């Protein structure tokens, strides 16, 4: 698998490009800002892979501005590919109010494009030979999701969890924003995330990667 992570925008959101090397099909997760930068990263990745990349989905872990602000620019920059904009329906209102969110932070955005695909809990998304499953983890926002990536190395299935803003390295998501609920978020973390294998890699929406085992042992909000 080709994987590339790069921070975008003033909030330094981790935008992730994941591509199946056999087919060239890929996804972008949380195209939060700087669409021109994201499009350049796709082009650079094509050179690295030695083939064209077809972005099939623009996946979003939730609908806050720093995770959706670049989506329109990326989608319009890939007119021939027409990737599907995907979001959990619980964050539809947040997504549609991108401009209002931006105004609160002194940022200007164009109106968002329509959502093409509504993510559902336990849904399986296949892109080339990549397999993702959707884990609805409300709390940071009503429609927050984590995305589990299942990779078959030939020896064992390696697990990666794209945790959005629900779980960070030795921290957790904030719950003072639109539609957040602290009790719900901690319930999501304990019942939907910490039950995964300790060696599961966790890739948050901001900051460095971590693992389930490390968070069980060292996260001061969870120990």
C-alpha atoms as a PDB file:
ATOM      1  CA  UNK A   1       0.000   0.000   0.000  1.00  0.00           C
ATOM      2  CA  UNK A   2       1.135   3.516  -0.739  1.00  0.00           C
ATOM      3  CA  UNK A   3       0.429   5.747   2.245  1.00  0.00           C
ATOM      4  CA  UNK A   4       1.190   9.416   2.598  1.00  0.00           C
ATOM      5  CA  UNK A   5       0.224  11.749   5.436  1.00  0.00           C
ATOM      6  CA  UNK A   6       0.575  15.529   5.288  1.00  0.00           C
ATOM      7  CA  UNK A   7      -0.738  18.308   7.528  1.00  0.00           C
ATOM      8  CA  UNK A   8      -2.970  20.955   5.975  1.00  0.00           C
ATOM      9  CA  UNK A   9      -4.412  24.270   7.092  1.00  0.00           C
ATOM     10  CA  UNK A  10      -3.910  26.400  10.202  1.00  0.00           C
ATOM     11  CA  UNK A  11      -5.215  23.591  12.414  1.00  0.00           C
ATOM     12  CA  UNK A  12      -2.667  21.157  10.923  1.00  0.00           C
ATOM     13  CA  UNK A  13      -5.169  18.428  10.113  1.00  0.00           C
ATOM     14  CA  UNK A  14      -3.612  15.138   9.049  1.00  0.00           C
ATOM     15  CA  UNK A  15      -4.802  14.483   5.507  1.00  0.00           C
ATOM     16  CA  UNK A  16      -4.055  10.901   4.459  1.00  0.00           C
ATOM     17  CA  UNK A  17      -3.679   9.445   0.989  1.00  0.00           C
ATOM     18  CA  UNK A  18      -4.032   5.655   0.821  1.00  0.00           C
ATOM     19  CA  UNK A  19      -3.586   3.865  -2.494  1.00  0.00           C
ATOM     20  CA  UNK A  20      -3.731   0.255  -3.627  1.00  0.00           C
ATOM     21  CA  UNK A  21      -0.478  -0.233  -5.609  1.00  0.00           C
ATOM     22  CA  UNK A  22      -1.934  -2.996  -7.770  1.00  0.00           C
ATOM     23  CA  UNK A  23      -4.868  -1.006  -9.118  1.00  0.00           C
ATOM     24  CA  UNK A  24      -3.946   2.631  -8.459  1.00  0.00           C
ATOM     25  CA  UNK A  25      -7.295   3.147  -6.727  1.00  0.00           C
ATOM     26  CA  UNK A  26      -7.134   5.257  -3.592  1.00  0.00           C
ATOM     27  CA  UNK A  27      -8.893   7.395  -1.022  1.00  0.00           C
ATOM     28  CA  UNK A  28      -8.221  10.695   0.665  1.00  0.00           C
ATOM     29  CA  UNK A  29      -9.162  10.940   4.326  1.00  0.00           C
ATOM     30  CA  UNK A  30      -9.965  14.380   5.788  1.00  0.00           C
ATOM     31  CA  UNK A  31      -9.118  16.788   2.982  1.00  0.00           C
ATOM     32  CA  UNK A  32      -9.351  19.656   5.440  1.00  0.00           C
ATOM     33  CA  UNK A  33      -7.676  22.585   3.675  1.00  0.00           C
ATOM     34  CA  UNK A  34      -5.087  23.602   1.073  1.00  0.00           C
ATOM     35  CA  UNK A  35      -6.569  21.682  -1.880  1.00  0.00           C
ATOM     36  CA  UNK A  36      -3.723  22.772  -4.156  1.00  0.00           C
ATOM     37  CA  UNK A  37      -1.222  21.151  -1.791  1.00  0.00           C
ATOM     38  CA  UNK A  38      -3.289  17.966  -1.671  1.00  0.00           C
ATOM     39  CA  UNK A  39      -3.473  17.783  -5.464  1.00  0.00           C
ATOM     40  CA  UNK A  40       0.303  18.248  -5.661  1.00  0.00           C
ATOM     41  CA  UNK A  41       0.790  15.388  -3.204  1.00  0.00           C
ATOM     42  CA  UNK A  42      -1.357  13.146  -5.381  1.00  0.00           C
ATOM     43  CA  UNK A  43       0.750  14.011  -8.427  1.00  0.00           C
ATOM     44  CA  UNK A  44       3.977  13.368  -6.505  1.00  0.00           C
ATOM     45  CA  UNK A  45       2.592  10.030  -5.339  1.00  0.00           C
ATOM     46  CA  UNK A  46       1.826   9.058  -8.927  1.00  0.00           C
ATOM     47  CA  UNK A  47       5.486   9.574  -9.764  1.00  0.00           C
ATOM     48  CA  UNK A  48       6.489   7.502  -6.741  1.00  0.00           C
ATOM     49  CA  UNK A  49       4.070   4.715  -7.629  1.00  0.00           C
ATOM     50  CA  UNK A  50       4.894   4.813 -11.330  1.00  0.00           C
ATOM     51  CA  UNK A  51       1.266   4.905 -12.400  1.00  0.00           C
ATOM     52  CA  UNK A  52      -1.787   7.130 -12.297  1.00  0.00           C
ATOM     53  CA  UNK A  53      -3.881   7.277  -9.126  1.00  0.00           C
ATOM     54  CA  UNK A  54      -7.659   7.232  -9.200  1.00  0.00           C
ATOM     55  CA  UNK A  55      -9.190   8.752  -6.051  1.00  0.00           C
ATOM     56  CA  UNK A  56     -12.448   6.894  -5.497  1.00  0.00           C
ATOM     57  CA  UNK A  57     -13.576   8.465  -2.202  1.00  0.00           C
ATOM     58  CA  UNK A  58     -13.025  11.629  -0.214  1.00  0.00           C
ATOM     59  CA  UNK A  59     -13.649  10.114   3.227  1.00  0.00           C
ATOM     60  CA  UNK A  60     -14.287  12.278   6.281  1.00  0.00           C
ATOM     61  CA  UNK A  61     -14.006  11.249   9.911  1.00  0.00           C
ATOM     62  CA  UNK A  62     -16.332  14.126  10.860  1.00  0.00           C
ATOM     63  CA  UNK A  63     -17.725  17.457   9.708  1.00  0.00           C
ATOM     64  CA  UNK A  64     -15.622  20.112  11.448  1.00  0.00           C
ATOM     65  CA  UNK A  65     -14.169  22.783   9.178  1.00  0.00           C
ATOM     66  CA  UNK A  66     -10.538  21.663   9.546  1.00  0.00           C
ATOM     67  CA  UNK A  67     -11.457  18.234   8.148  1.00  0.00           C
ATOM     68  CA  UNK A  68     -13.737  19.281   5.273  1.00  0.00           C
ATOM     69  CA  UNK A  69     -12.555  22.739   4.188  1.00  0.00           C
ATOM     70  CA  UNK A  70     -10.489  21.530   1.218  1.00  0.00           C
ATOM     71  CA  UNK A  71     -12.940  18.959  -0.074  1.00  0.00           C
ATOM     72  CA  UNK A  72     -14.625  21.106  -2.699  1.00  0.00           C
ATOM     73  CA  UNK A  73     -11.291  22.253  -4.139  1.00  0.00           C
ATOM     74  CA  UNK A  74      -9.965  18.697  -4.313  1.00  0.00           C
ATOM     75  CA  UNK A  75     -13.151  17.353  -5.872  1.00  0.00           C
ATOM     76  CA  UNK A  76     -13.186  20.113  -8.491  1.00  0.00           C
ATOM     77  CA  UNK A  77      -9.474  19.554  -9.119  1.00  0.00           C
ATOM     78  CA  UNK A  78     -10.198  15.920 -10.039  1.00  0.00           C
ATOM     79  CA  UNK A  79     -13.117  16.388 -12.473  1.00  0.00           C
ATOM     80  CA  UNK A  80     -12.391  13.274 -14.521  1.00  0.00           C
ATOM     81  CA  UNK A  81     -12.147  11.048 -11.461  1.00  0.00           C
ATOM     82  CA  UNK A  82     -15.256  12.333  -9.668  1.00  0.00           C
ATOM     83  CA  UNK A  83     -14.402  10.886  -6.239  1.00  0.00           C
ATOM     84  CA  UNK A  84     -17.395  10.367  -3.976  1.00  0.00           C
ATOM     85  CA  UNK A  85     -17.674  12.698  -0.976  1.00  0.00           C
ATOM     86  CA  UNK A  86     -18.406  10.462   2.024  1.00  0.00           C
ATOM     87  CA  UNK A  87     -19.560  11.484   5.515  1.00  0.00           C
ATOM     88  CA  UNK A  88     -21.682  10.034   8.312  1.00  0.00           C
ATOM     89  CA  UNK A  89     -25.220  11.501   8.190  1.00  0.00           C
ATOM     90  CA  UNK A  90     -24.920  12.561  11.820  1.00  0.00           C
ATOM     91  CA  UNK A  91     -22.569  15.353  10.692  1.00  0.00           C
ATOM     92  CA  UNK A  92     -24.555  16.470   7.662  1.00  0.00           C
ATOM     93  CA  UNK A  93     -25.629  19.679   9.418  1.00  0.00           C
ATOM     94  CA  UNK A  94     -22.042  20.520  10.385  1.00  0.00           C
ATOM     95  CA  UNK A  95     -20.869  19.847   6.851  1.00  0.00           C
ATOM     96  CA  UNK A  96     -23.540  22.023   5.264  1.00  0.00           C
ATOM     97  CA  UNK A  97     -22.656  24.842   7.681  1.00  0.00           C
ATOM     98  CA  UNK A  98     -18.987  24.966   6.667  1.00  0.00           C
ATOM     99  CA  UNK A  99     -19.203  28.678   5.863  1.00  0.00           C
ATOM    100  CA  UNK A 100     -20.709  29.445   9.260  1.00  0.00           C
ATOM    101  CA  UNK A 101     -17.972  27.444  10.956  1.00  0.00           C
ATOM    102  CA  UNK A 102     -15.380  29.395   9.005  1.00  0.00           C
ATOM    103  CA  UNK A 103     -16.885  32.742   9.954  1.00  0.00           C
ATOM    104  CA  UNK A 104     -16.467  31.897  13.622  1.00  0.00           C
ATOM    105  CA  UNK A 105     -12.721  31.512  13.048  1.00  0.00           C
ATOM    106  CA  UNK A 106     -12.321  34.362  10.563  1.00  0.00           C
ATOM    107  CA  UNK A 107     -11.928  31.954   7.637  1.00  0.00           C
ATOM    108  CA  UNK A 108     -13.708  32.055   4.282  1.00  0.00           C
ATOM    109  CA  UNK A 109     -14.931  28.972   2.452  1.00  0.00           C
ATOM    110  CA  UNK A 110     -17.092  28.361  -0.594  1.00  0.00           C
ATOM    111  CA  UNK A 111     -20.311  26.448  -0.007  1.00  0.00           C
ATOM    112  CA  UNK A 112     -19.647  22.701   0.247  1.00  0.00           C
ATOM    113  CA  UNK A 113     -20.569  20.273  -2.495  1.00  0.00           C
ATOM    114  CA  UNK A 114     -23.267  17.711  -1.835  1.00  0.00           C
ATOM    115  CA  UNK A 115     -22.421  14.520   0.029  1.00  0.00           C
ATOM    116  CA  UNK A 116     -22.434  11.575  -2.393  1.00  0.00           C
ATOM    117  CA  UNK A 117     -22.221   8.728   0.087  1.00  0.00           C
ATOM    118  CA  UNK A 118     -23.426   8.516   3.685  1.00  0.00           C
ATOM    119  CA  UNK A 119     -21.222   6.313   5.822  1.00  0.00           C
ATOM    120  CA  UNK A 120     -22.950   3.746   8.034  1.00  0.00           C
ATOM    121  CA  UNK A 121     -21.660   1.948  11.106  1.00  0.00           C
ATOM    122  CA  UNK A 122     -19.930  -1.345  10.207  1.00  0.00           C
ATOM    123  CA  UNK A 123     -20.118  -0.585   6.492  1.00  0.00           C
ATOM    124  CA  UNK A 124     -17.320  -2.096   4.404  1.00  0.00           C
ATOM    125  CA  UNK A 125     -15.664   0.051   1.734  1.00  0.00           C
ATOM    126  CA  UNK A 126     -13.348  -1.621  -0.783  1.00  0.00           C
ATOM    127  CA  UNK A 127     -10.981   0.410  -2.922  1.00  0.00           C
ATOM    128  CA  UNK A 128      -8.793  -1.730  -5.111  1.00  0.00           C
ATOM    129  CA  UNK A 129      -7.488  -4.350  -2.696  1.00  0.00           C
ATOM    130  CA  UNK A 130      -7.823  -2.039   0.309  1.00  0.00           C
ATOM    131  CA  UNK A 131     -10.601  -2.802   2.764  1.00  0.00           C
ATOM    132  CA  UNK A 132     -11.997  -0.250   5.209  1.00  0.00           C
ATOM    133  CA  UNK A 133     -14.704  -0.708   7.812  1.00  0.00           C
ATOM    134  CA  UNK A 134     -16.618   2.178   9.359  1.00  0.00           C
ATOM    135  CA  UNK A 135     -16.852   2.480  13.145  1.00  0.00           C
ATOM    136  CA  UNK A 136     -19.344   5.101  14.315  1.00  0.00           C
ATOM    137  CA  UNK A 137     -17.806   6.810  17.366  1.00  0.00           C
ATOM    138  CA  UNK A 138     -20.058   9.751  18.297  1.00  0.00           C
ATOM    139  CA  UNK A 139     -19.004  12.221  20.962  1.00  0.00           C
ATOM    140  CA  UNK A 140     -16.523  14.650  19.456  1.00  0.00           C
ATOM    141  CA  UNK A 141     -19.345  15.259  16.997  1.00  0.00           C
ATOM    142  CA  UNK A 142     -22.609  13.365  16.358  1.00  0.00           C
ATOM    143  CA  UNK A 143     -21.322  11.761  13.181  1.00  0.00           C
ATOM    144  CA  UNK A 144     -17.704  11.116  14.113  1.00  0.00           C
ATOM    145  CA  UNK A 145     -16.389   7.862  12.703  1.00  0.00           C
ATOM    146  CA  UNK A 146     -13.162   5.918  12.818  1.00  0.00           C
ATOM    147  CA  UNK A 147     -12.002   3.994   9.770  1.00  0.00           C
ATOM    148  CA  UNK A 148     -10.379   0.587  10.213  1.00  0.00           C
ATOM    149  CA  UNK A 149      -7.967  -0.381   7.469  1.00  0.00           C
ATOM    150  CA  UNK A 150      -7.375  -4.119   7.138  1.00  0.00           C
ATOM    151  CA  UNK A 151      -4.129  -5.104   5.404  1.00  0.00           C
ATOM    152  CA  UNK A 152      -3.199  -8.687   4.586  1.00  0.00           C
ATOM    153  CA  UNK A 153       0.585  -8.977   4.801  1.00  0.00           C
ATOM    154  CA  UNK A 154       0.521 -12.666   3.951  1.00  0.00           C
ATOM    155  CA  UNK A 155       1.432 -13.573   7.522  1.00  0.00           C
ATOM    156  CA  UNK A 156      -1.314 -11.787   9.431  1.00  0.00           C
ATOM    157  CA  UNK A 157      -3.889  -9.079   8.955  1.00  0.00           C
ATOM    158  CA  UNK A 158      -2.409  -5.796  10.116  1.00  0.00           C
ATOM    159  CA  UNK A 159      -4.845  -3.275  11.540  1.00  0.00           C
ATOM    160  CA  UNK A 160      -4.770   0.509  11.316  1.00  0.00           C
ATOM    161  CA  UNK A 161      -7.404   2.764  12.838  1.00  0.00           C
ATOM    162  CA  UNK A 162      -7.886   6.260  11.437  1.00  0.00           C
ATOM    163  CA  UNK A 163      -9.322   7.811  14.593  1.00  0.00           C
ATOM    164  CA  UNK A 164     -10.174  11.337  13.470  1.00  0.00           C
ATOM    165  CA  UNK A 165     -10.453  13.668  16.439  1.00  0.00           C
ATOM    166  CA  UNK A 166     -11.803  11.047  18.840  1.00  0.00           C
ATOM    167  CA  UNK A 167      -8.504   9.616  20.082  1.00  0.00           C
ATOM    168  CA  UNK A 168      -5.036  11.190  19.936  1.00  0.00           C
ATOM    169  CA  UNK A 169      -1.638  10.119  21.209  1.00  0.00           C
ATOM    170  CA  UNK A 170      -2.048  10.387  24.999  1.00  0.00           C
ATOM    171  CA  UNK A 171      -5.091  12.602  24.594  1.00  0.00           C
ATOM    172  CA  UNK A 172      -8.715  12.607  23.472  1.00  0.00           C
ATOM    173  CA  UNK A 173     -10.961  14.841  21.397  1.00  0.00           C
ATOM    174  CA  UNK A 174     -12.443  18.048  22.716  1.00  0.00           C
ATOM    175  CA  UNK A 175     -16.134  18.136  23.547  1.00  0.00           C
ATOM    176  CA  UNK A 176     -16.865  21.867  23.674  1.00  0.00           C
ATOM    177  CA  UNK A 177     -17.751  22.175  19.973  1.00  0.00           C
ATOM    178  CA  UNK A 178     -20.967  21.836  17.991  1.00  0.00           C
ATOM    179  CA  UNK A 179     -22.960  18.726  18.891  1.00  0.00           C
ATOM    180  CA  UNK A 180     -20.249  17.261  21.132  1.00  0.00           C
ATOM    181  CA  UNK A 181     -21.016  15.047  24.122  1.00  0.00           C
ATOM    182  CA  UNK A 182     -18.254  14.085  26.550  1.00  0.00           C
ATOM    183  CA  UNK A 183     -19.926  11.025  28.056  1.00  0.00           C
ATOM    184  CA  UNK A 184     -20.770   9.736  24.606  1.00  0.00           C
ATOM    185  CA  UNK A 185     -17.205  10.216  23.388  1.00  0.00           C
ATOM    186  CA  UNK A 186     -15.657   8.315  26.287  1.00  0.00           C
ATOM    187  CA  UNK A 187     -18.208   5.551  25.781  1.00  0.00           C
ATOM    188  CA  UNK A 188     -17.236   5.374  22.108  1.00  0.00           C
ATOM    189  CA  UNK A 189     -13.543   5.188  22.978  1.00  0.00           C
ATOM    190  CA  UNK A 190     -13.952   2.448  25.563  1.00  0.00           C
ATOM    191  CA  UNK A 191     -16.558   0.344  23.764  1.00  0.00           C
ATOM    192  CA  UNK A 192     -15.539   0.770  20.123  1.00  0.00           C
ATOM    193  CA  UNK A 193     -11.807   1.600  20.097  1.00  0.00           C
ATOM    194  CA  UNK A 194      -9.996   0.203  23.131  1.00  0.00           C
ATOM    195  CA  UNK A 195     -11.482  -3.245  22.434  1.00  0.00           C
ATOM    196  CA  UNK A 196      -9.200  -3.530  19.383  1.00  0.00           C
ATOM    197  CA  UNK A 197      -5.899  -5.429  19.535  1.00  0.00           C
ATOM    198  CA  UNK A 198      -3.135  -3.659  21.430  1.00  0.00           C
ATOM    199  CA  UNK A 199      -0.853  -3.635  18.370  1.00  0.00           C
ATOM    200  CA  UNK A 200      -3.417  -1.792  16.254  1.00  0.00           C
ATOM    201  CA  UNK A 201      -1.812   1.343  14.846  1.00  0.00           C
ATOM    202  CA  UNK A 202      -3.841   4.491  15.546  1.00  0.00           C
ATOM    203  CA  UNK A 203      -3.596   7.430  13.137  1.00  0.00           C
ATOM    204  CA  UNK A 204      -5.290  10.523  14.609  1.00  0.00           C
ATOM    205  CA  UNK A 205      -6.616  13.573  12.818  1.00  0.00           C
ATOM    206  CA  UNK A 206      -3.861  15.701  14.349  1.00  0.00           C
ATOM    207  CA  UNK A 207      -0.430  14.900  15.718  1.00  0.00           C
ATOM    208  CA  UNK A 208       1.620  11.691  15.717  1.00  0.00           C
ATOM    209  CA  UNK A 209       0.481   8.091  15.390  1.00  0.00           C
ATOM    210  CA  UNK A 210       0.091   5.851  18.399  1.00  0.00           C
ATOM    211  CA  UNK A 211      -1.239   2.370  19.239  1.00  0.00           C
ATOM    212  CA  UNK A 212      -4.140   0.928  21.175  1.00  0.00           C
ATOM    213  CA  UNK A 213      -1.778  -0.658  23.701  1.00  0.00           C
ATOM    214  CA  UNK A 214       0.053   2.584  24.386  1.00  0.00           C
ATOM    215  CA  UNK A 215      -3.198   4.472  24.925  1.00  0.00           C
ATOM    216  CA  UNK A 216      -4.465   1.811  27.335  1.00  0.00           C
ATOM    217  CA  UNK A 217      -1.263   2.130  29.364  1.00  0.00           C
ATOM    218  CA  UNK A 218      -0.355   5.794  29.161  1.00  0.00           C
ATOM    219  CA  UNK A 219      -3.284   7.986  28.106  1.00  0.00           C
ATOM    220  CA  UNK A 220      -4.024  10.088  31.219  1.00  0.00           C
ATOM    221  CA  UNK A 221      -7.671  10.513  30.181  1.00  0.00           C
ATOM    222  CA  UNK A 222      -8.232   6.754  29.973  1.00  0.00           C
ATOM    223  CA  UNK A 223      -5.986   5.099  32.581  1.00  0.00           C
END
